[in-house]
Amino acid sequence: MPQLDSSTFISQIFWLIITFLSLWFVMAWMIIPKIAEIVEERRTKIEDDVQKAERINHQAFEILQKYEKKIAEAKENAAFQIEQRKQQLEAETELKKATLKHTLDEKIAQSSSVLAHERAETIKAVDDVSAQIAELIIAKLDLPQTLKKDENRA
């Protein structure tokens, strides 16, 4: 084997050093700077993307806070309007109740006066009929007594 021949060791060591140094120079001056440049670009891009993501996250958080604030304001506004409408409806209901109560009281008063008048007329009519019936009864009862008195006199 030629690699193990001791007379070629110096030549092999020389070419090994030349090859190693040339590869080292190529790597150090060409390949590693390009790799470092690519790594730096990636790092810069990643940092930019992270910063963009943080800005977007911050904007989204601000929008969320505005949204929640508007929702809270809308809820407060709705509750206020509901309360106002409720009070308005209660006032209208009370007014209608009062009007209805007044109307019903008037009708009850009218009906009571009509009933009192009709009751008085009915009682008067009953009294008149009772008096007439009493007169007829008395007349029928007096008729035989009158006949007896007349017969006794005769």
C-alpha atoms as a PDB file:
ATOM      1  CA  MET A   1       0.000   0.000   0.000  1.00  0.00           C
ATOM      2  CA  PRO A   2       1.462   3.297  -0.996  1.00  0.00           C
ATOM      3  CA  GLN A   3       0.013   5.197   1.946  1.00  0.00           C
ATOM      4  CA  LEU A   4       2.053   3.176   4.378  1.00  0.00           C
ATOM      5  CA  ASP A   5       5.335   3.661   2.532  1.00  0.00           C
ATOM      6  CA  SER A   6       7.480   5.867   4.781  1.00  0.00           C
ATOM      7  CA  SER A   7       9.306   7.535   1.877  1.00  0.00           C
ATOM      8  CA  THR A   8       6.024   9.212   0.750  1.00  0.00           C
ATOM      9  CA  PHE A   9       5.077  10.482   4.188  1.00  0.00           C
ATOM     10  CA  ILE A  10       6.535  13.952   3.671  1.00  0.00           C
ATOM     11  CA  SER A  11       4.813  14.390   0.355  1.00  0.00           C
ATOM     12  CA  GLN A  12       1.562  13.134   1.836  1.00  0.00           C
ATOM     13  CA  ILE A  13       1.892  15.472   4.830  1.00  0.00           C
ATOM     14  CA  PHE A  14       2.682  18.393   2.474  1.00  0.00           C
ATOM     15  CA  TRP A  15      -0.389  17.756   0.342  1.00  0.00           C
ATOM     16  CA  LEU A  16      -2.470  17.140   3.423  1.00  0.00           C
ATOM     17  CA  ILE A  17      -1.457  20.534   4.826  1.00  0.00           C
ATOM     18  CA  ILE A  18      -2.019  22.262   1.452  1.00  0.00           C
ATOM     19  CA  THR A  19      -5.431  20.615   1.080  1.00  0.00           C
ATOM     20  CA  PHE A  20      -6.400  21.319   4.668  1.00  0.00           C
ATOM     21  CA  LEU A  21      -5.326  24.972   4.445  1.00  0.00           C
ATOM     22  CA  SER A  22      -7.022  25.519   1.088  1.00  0.00           C
ATOM     23  CA  LEU A  23     -10.225  23.955   2.379  1.00  0.00           C
ATOM     24  CA  TRP A  24      -9.899  25.983   5.544  1.00  0.00           C
ATOM     25  CA  PHE A  25      -9.420  29.240   3.567  1.00  0.00           C
ATOM     26  CA  VAL A  26     -12.357  28.411   1.295  1.00  0.00           C
ATOM     27  CA  MET A  27     -14.520  27.605   4.295  1.00  0.00           C
ATOM     28  CA  ALA A  28     -13.364  30.619   6.341  1.00  0.00           C
ATOM     29  CA  TRP A  29     -13.512  33.188   3.557  1.00  0.00           C
ATOM     30  CA  MET A  30     -16.339  31.981   1.374  1.00  0.00           C
ATOM     31  CA  ILE A  31     -18.696  29.424   2.869  1.00  0.00           C
ATOM     32  CA  ILE A  32     -18.782  30.427   6.553  1.00  0.00           C
ATOM     33  CA  PRO A  33     -19.392  34.149   5.774  1.00  0.00           C
ATOM     34  CA  LYS A  34     -22.260  33.182   3.468  1.00  0.00           C
ATOM     35  CA  ILE A  35     -23.701  30.887   6.136  1.00  0.00           C
ATOM     36  CA  ALA A  36     -23.234  33.627   8.739  1.00  0.00           C
ATOM     37  CA  GLU A  37     -24.943  36.094   6.415  1.00  0.00           C
ATOM     38  CA  ILE A  38     -27.877  33.736   5.878  1.00  0.00           C
ATOM     39  CA  VAL A  39     -28.129  33.064   9.626  1.00  0.00           C
ATOM     40  CA  GLU A  40     -28.042  36.811  10.317  1.00  0.00           C
ATOM     41  CA  GLU A  41     -30.739  37.445   7.705  1.00  0.00           C
ATOM     42  CA  ARG A  42     -32.901  34.738   9.243  1.00  0.00           C
ATOM     43  CA  ARG A  43     -32.334  36.131  12.738  1.00  0.00           C
ATOM     44  CA  THR A  44     -33.205  39.645  11.508  1.00  0.00           C
ATOM     45  CA  LYS A  45     -36.296  38.362   9.726  1.00  0.00           C
ATOM     46  CA  ILE A  46     -37.385  36.394  12.794  1.00  0.00           C
ATOM     47  CA  GLU A  47     -36.868  39.466  15.007  1.00  0.00           C
ATOM     48  CA  ASP A  48     -38.859  41.594  12.554  1.00  0.00           C
ATOM     49  CA  ASP A  49     -41.621  39.002  12.470  1.00  0.00           C
ATOM     50  CA  VAL A  50     -41.665  38.855  16.271  1.00  0.00           C
ATOM     51  CA  GLN A  51     -41.834  42.654  16.459  1.00  0.00           C
ATOM     52  CA  LYS A  52     -44.647  42.704  13.881  1.00  0.00           C
ATOM     53  CA  ALA A  53     -46.472  40.010  15.841  1.00  0.00           C
ATOM     54  CA  GLU A  54     -46.054  42.011  19.056  1.00  0.00           C
ATOM     55  CA  ARG A  55     -47.347  45.182  17.337  1.00  0.00           C
ATOM     56  CA  ILE A  56     -50.298  43.280  15.886  1.00  0.00           C
ATOM     57  CA  ASN A  57     -50.949  41.690  19.278  1.00  0.00           C
ATOM     58  CA  HIS A  58     -50.807  45.113  20.927  1.00  0.00           C
ATOM     59  CA  GLN A  59     -53.189  46.547  18.301  1.00  0.00           C
ATOM     60  CA  ALA A  60     -55.526  43.585  18.724  1.00  0.00           C
ATOM     61  CA  PHE A  61     -55.461  44.102  22.493  1.00  0.00           C
ATOM     62  CA  GLU A  62     -56.291  47.801  22.051  1.00  0.00           C
ATOM     63  CA  ILE A  63     -59.113  46.937  19.651  1.00  0.00           C
ATOM     64  CA  LEU A  64     -60.388  44.356  22.136  1.00  0.00           C
ATOM     65  CA  GLN A  65     -60.362  46.944  24.922  1.00  0.00           C
ATOM     66  CA  LYS A  66     -62.227  49.442  22.699  1.00  0.00           C
ATOM     67  CA  TYR A  67     -64.699  46.718  21.741  1.00  0.00           C
ATOM     68  CA  GLU A  68     -65.289  45.753  25.374  1.00  0.00           C
ATOM     69  CA  LYS A  69     -65.654  49.428  26.309  1.00  0.00           C
ATOM     70  CA  LYS A  70     -68.226  49.956  23.541  1.00  0.00           C
ATOM     71  CA  ILE A  71     -70.095  46.822  24.612  1.00  0.00           C
ATOM     72  CA  ALA A  72     -70.139  48.065  28.212  1.00  0.00           C
ATOM     73  CA  GLU A  73     -71.382  51.476  27.050  1.00  0.00           C
ATOM     74  CA  ALA A  74     -74.032  49.814  24.886  1.00  0.00           C
ATOM     75  CA  LYS A  75     -75.156  47.671  27.827  1.00  0.00           C
ATOM     76  CA  GLU A  76     -75.356  50.724  30.076  1.00  0.00           C
ATOM     77  CA  ASN A  77     -77.259  52.632  27.401  1.00  0.00           C
ATOM     78  CA  ALA A  78     -79.638  49.727  26.852  1.00  0.00           C
ATOM     79  CA  ALA A  79     -80.202  49.357  30.597  1.00  0.00           C
ATOM     80  CA  PHE A  80     -80.860  53.094  30.881  1.00  0.00           C
ATOM     81  CA  GLN A  81     -83.309  53.028  27.961  1.00  0.00           C
ATOM     82  CA  ILE A  82     -85.026  49.951  29.368  1.00  0.00           C
ATOM     83  CA  GLU A  83     -85.375  51.639  32.749  1.00  0.00           C
ATOM     84  CA  GLN A  84     -86.727  54.820  31.138  1.00  0.00           C
ATOM     85  CA  ARG A  85     -89.221  52.854  29.044  1.00  0.00           C
ATOM     86  CA  LYS A  86     -90.224  50.812  32.085  1.00  0.00           C
ATOM     87  CA  GLN A  87     -90.885  53.982  34.085  1.00  0.00           C
ATOM     88  CA  GLN A  88     -92.775  55.485  31.153  1.00  0.00           C
ATOM     89  CA  LEU A  89     -94.922  52.363  30.788  1.00  0.00           C
ATOM     90  CA  GLU A  90     -95.562  52.274  34.535  1.00  0.00           C
ATOM     91  CA  ALA A  91     -96.657  55.932  34.432  1.00  0.00           C
ATOM     92  CA  GLU A  92     -98.912  55.237  31.439  1.00  0.00           C
ATOM     93  CA  THR A  93    -100.321  52.168  33.190  1.00  0.00           C
ATOM     94  CA  GLU A  94    -101.012  54.144  36.356  1.00  0.00           C
ATOM     95  CA  LEU A  95    -102.701  56.886  34.323  1.00  0.00           C
ATOM     96  CA  LYS A  96    -104.838  54.346  32.474  1.00  0.00           C
ATOM     97  CA  LYS A  97    -105.685  52.617  35.766  1.00  0.00           C
ATOM     98  CA  ALA A  98    -106.721  55.931  37.289  1.00  0.00           C
ATOM     99  CA  THR A  99    -108.804  56.806  34.227  1.00  0.00           C
ATOM    100  CA  LEU A 100    -110.414  53.378  34.202  1.00  0.00           C
ATOM    101  CA  LYS A 101    -111.083  53.535  37.961  1.00  0.00           C
ATOM    102  CA  HIS A 102    -112.655  56.979  37.555  1.00  0.00           C
ATOM    103  CA  THR A 103    -114.798  55.742  34.647  1.00  0.00           C
ATOM    104  CA  LEU A 104    -115.838  52.644  36.573  1.00  0.00           C
ATOM    105  CA  ASP A 105    -116.628  54.713  39.683  1.00  0.00           C
ATOM    106  CA  GLU A 106    -118.831  57.001  37.545  1.00  0.00           C
ATOM    107  CA  LYS A 107    -120.613  54.017  35.992  1.00  0.00           C
ATOM    108  CA  ILE A 108    -121.053  52.410  39.418  1.00  0.00           C
ATOM    109  CA  ALA A 109    -122.432  55.676  40.777  1.00  0.00           C
ATOM    110  CA  GLN A 110    -124.794  55.996  37.813  1.00  0.00           C
ATOM    111  CA  SER A 111    -125.861  52.365  38.151  1.00  0.00           C
ATOM    112  CA  SER A 112    -126.345  52.788  41.902  1.00  0.00           C
ATOM    113  CA  SER A 113    -128.490  55.886  41.397  1.00  0.00           C
ATOM    114  CA  VAL A 114    -130.513  54.138  38.666  1.00  0.00           C
ATOM    115  CA  LEU A 115    -130.916  51.083  40.901  1.00  0.00           C
ATOM    116  CA  ALA A 116    -131.890  53.277  43.876  1.00  0.00           C
ATOM    117  CA  HIS A 117    -134.426  55.124  41.703  1.00  0.00           C
ATOM    118  CA  GLU A 118    -135.836  51.869  40.292  1.00  0.00           C
ATOM    119  CA  ARG A 119    -135.902  50.342  43.773  1.00  0.00           C
ATOM    120  CA  ALA A 120    -137.810  53.352  45.076  1.00  0.00           C
ATOM    121  CA  GLU A 121    -140.243  53.112  42.170  1.00  0.00           C
ATOM    122  CA  THR A 122    -140.583  49.370  42.677  1.00  0.00           C
ATOM    123  CA  ILE A 123    -141.198  49.821  46.400  1.00  0.00           C
ATOM    124  CA  LYS A 124    -143.729  52.561  45.604  1.00  0.00           C
ATOM    125  CA  ALA A 125    -145.399  50.300  43.022  1.00  0.00           C
ATOM    126  CA  VAL A 126    -145.421  47.423  45.531  1.00  0.00           C
ATOM    127  CA  ASP A 127    -146.887  49.764  48.140  1.00  0.00           C
ATOM    128  CA  ASP A 128    -149.538  50.919  45.659  1.00  0.00           C
ATOM    129  CA  VAL A 129    -150.356  47.358  44.663  1.00  0.00           C
ATOM    130  CA  SER A 130    -150.375  46.325  48.331  1.00  0.00           C
ATOM    131  CA  ALA A 131    -152.722  49.173  49.162  1.00  0.00           C
ATOM    132  CA  GLN A 132    -155.019  48.228  46.291  1.00  0.00           C
ATOM    133  CA  ILE A 133    -154.962  44.579  47.339  1.00  0.00           C
ATOM    134  CA  ALA A 134    -155.584  45.597  50.932  1.00  0.00           C
ATOM    135  CA  GLU A 135    -158.510  47.746  49.838  1.00  0.00           C
ATOM    136  CA  LEU A 136    -159.911  44.864  47.825  1.00  0.00           C
ATOM    137  CA  ILE A 137    -159.431  42.479  50.712  1.00  0.00           C
ATOM    138  CA  ILE A 138    -161.000  44.942  53.108  1.00  0.00           C
ATOM    139  CA  ALA A 139    -163.757  45.565  50.661  1.00  0.00           C
ATOM    140  CA  LYS A 140    -164.428  41.858  50.359  1.00  0.00           C
ATOM    141  CA  LEU A 141    -164.178  41.402  54.081  1.00  0.00           C
ATOM    142  CA  ASP A 142    -166.428  44.403  54.752  1.00  0.00           C
ATOM    143  CA  LEU A 143    -168.994  43.291  52.233  1.00  0.00           C
ATOM    144  CA  PRO A 144    -170.305  40.368  54.262  1.00  0.00           C
ATOM    145  CA  GLN A 145    -170.224  42.424  57.448  1.00  0.00           C
ATOM    146  CA  THR A 146    -172.015  45.165  55.697  1.00  0.00           C
ATOM    147  CA  LEU A 147    -174.579  42.621  54.515  1.00  0.00           C
ATOM    148  CA  LYS A 148    -174.978  41.330  58.030  1.00  0.00           C
ATOM    149  CA  LYS A 149    -175.361  44.839  59.351  1.00  0.00           C
ATOM    150  CA  ASP A 150    -177.820  45.537  56.629  1.00  0.00           C
ATOM    151  CA  GLU A 151    -179.738  42.341  57.440  1.00  0.00           C
ATOM    152  CA  ASN A 152    -179.702  43.139  61.105  1.00  0.00           C
ATOM    153  CA  ARG A 153    -181.070  46.550  60.456  1.00  0.00           C
ATOM    154  CA  ALA A 154    -183.669  45.250  58.219  1.00  0.00           C
END
